[in-house]
Amino acid sequence: MRRRALAVLGHHRGQTLPQLAALFAVRYATVHGWVQAWHRAGLAGLAEGRRAGRPPKLAPAAQKK
């Protein structure tokens, strides 16, 4: 989340999206998505979301153990 916030701050201060993408070693589309999420939802938009992947095999009760 910190990296996303720093990118949004850099954009606010005048850095371009390509500059920020190079600085953070991510694609242009990634930085663009971070800035758009900030505009849509503010700080909450920069929080890490769910990731794709295989669902857990264990039941939620067994995971807590």
Protein backbone atom coordinates (compact mmCIF):
# COMPACT_ATOMS: atom_id res chain seq x y z
CA MET A 1 0.00 0.00 0.00
CA ARG A 2 2.89 2.34 0.76
CA ARG A 3 4.29 1.99 -2.76
CA ARG A 4 0.89 2.78 -4.25
CA ALA A 5 0.51 5.85 -2.06
CA LEU A 6 3.99 7.07 -3.02
CA ALA A 7 3.13 6.67 -6.69
CA VAL A 8 -0.09 8.67 -6.28
CA LEU A 9 1.81 11.36 -4.38
CA GLY A 10 4.44 11.48 -7.11
CA HIS A 11 1.75 11.87 -9.73
CA HIS A 12 0.16 14.68 -7.73
CA ARG A 13 3.56 16.39 -7.60
CA GLY A 14 3.88 16.30 -11.38
CA GLN A 15 5.67 13.09 -12.26
CA THR A 16 4.31 11.34 -15.30
CA LEU A 17 2.89 7.85 -15.27
CA PRO A 18 5.76 6.47 -17.41
CA GLN A 19 8.28 7.99 -14.98
CA LEU A 20 6.51 6.43 -12.03
CA ALA A 21 6.25 3.06 -13.76
CA ALA A 22 10.01 3.06 -14.31
CA LEU A 23 10.70 4.22 -10.76
CA PHE A 24 8.60 1.45 -9.20
CA ALA A 25 9.55 -1.16 -11.84
CA VAL A 26 5.95 -1.87 -12.83
CA ARG A 27 3.95 -1.50 -16.01
CA TYR A 28 2.31 1.78 -17.01
CA ALA A 29 -1.12 0.14 -16.67
CA THR A 30 -0.35 -0.76 -13.05
CA VAL A 31 0.45 2.82 -12.08
CA HIS A 32 -2.56 4.04 -14.01
CA GLY A 33 -4.73 1.61 -12.05
CA TRP A 34 -3.33 2.88 -8.75
CA VAL A 35 -4.11 6.49 -9.65
CA GLN A 36 -7.61 5.58 -10.84
CA ALA A 37 -8.26 3.61 -7.63
CA TRP A 38 -7.18 6.66 -5.63
CA HIS A 39 -9.61 8.87 -7.54
CA ARG A 40 -12.46 6.39 -7.07
CA ALA A 41 -12.04 5.45 -3.42
CA GLY A 42 -9.27 7.51 -1.84
CA LEU A 43 -6.92 5.74 0.54
CA ALA A 44 -9.17 2.68 0.71
CA GLY A 45 -8.70 2.24 -3.03
CA LEU A 46 -4.98 1.66 -2.50
CA ALA A 47 -5.44 -1.25 -0.09
CA GLU A 48 -4.35 -4.67 -1.26
CA GLY A 49 -7.26 -6.63 -2.66
CA ARG A 50 -7.89 -10.31 -3.07
CA ARG A 51 -5.62 -12.21 -5.37
CA ALA A 52 -6.46 -14.91 -7.83
CA GLY A 53 -5.41 -18.41 -7.04
CA ARG A 54 -6.45 -21.83 -5.93
CA PRO A 55 -9.04 -21.83 -3.14
CA PRO A 56 -7.97 -23.37 0.17
CA LYS A 57 -8.69 -27.06 0.71
CA LEU A 58 -9.19 -26.74 4.46
CA ALA A 59 -12.48 -25.65 5.98
CA PRO A 60 -12.35 -22.22 7.70
CA ALA A 61 -12.55 -23.89 11.14
CA ALA A 62 -9.54 -26.09 10.36
CA GLN A 63 -7.55 -23.11 9.06
CA LYS A 64 -7.85 -21.34 12.43
CA LYS A 65 -6.03 -24.21 14.19
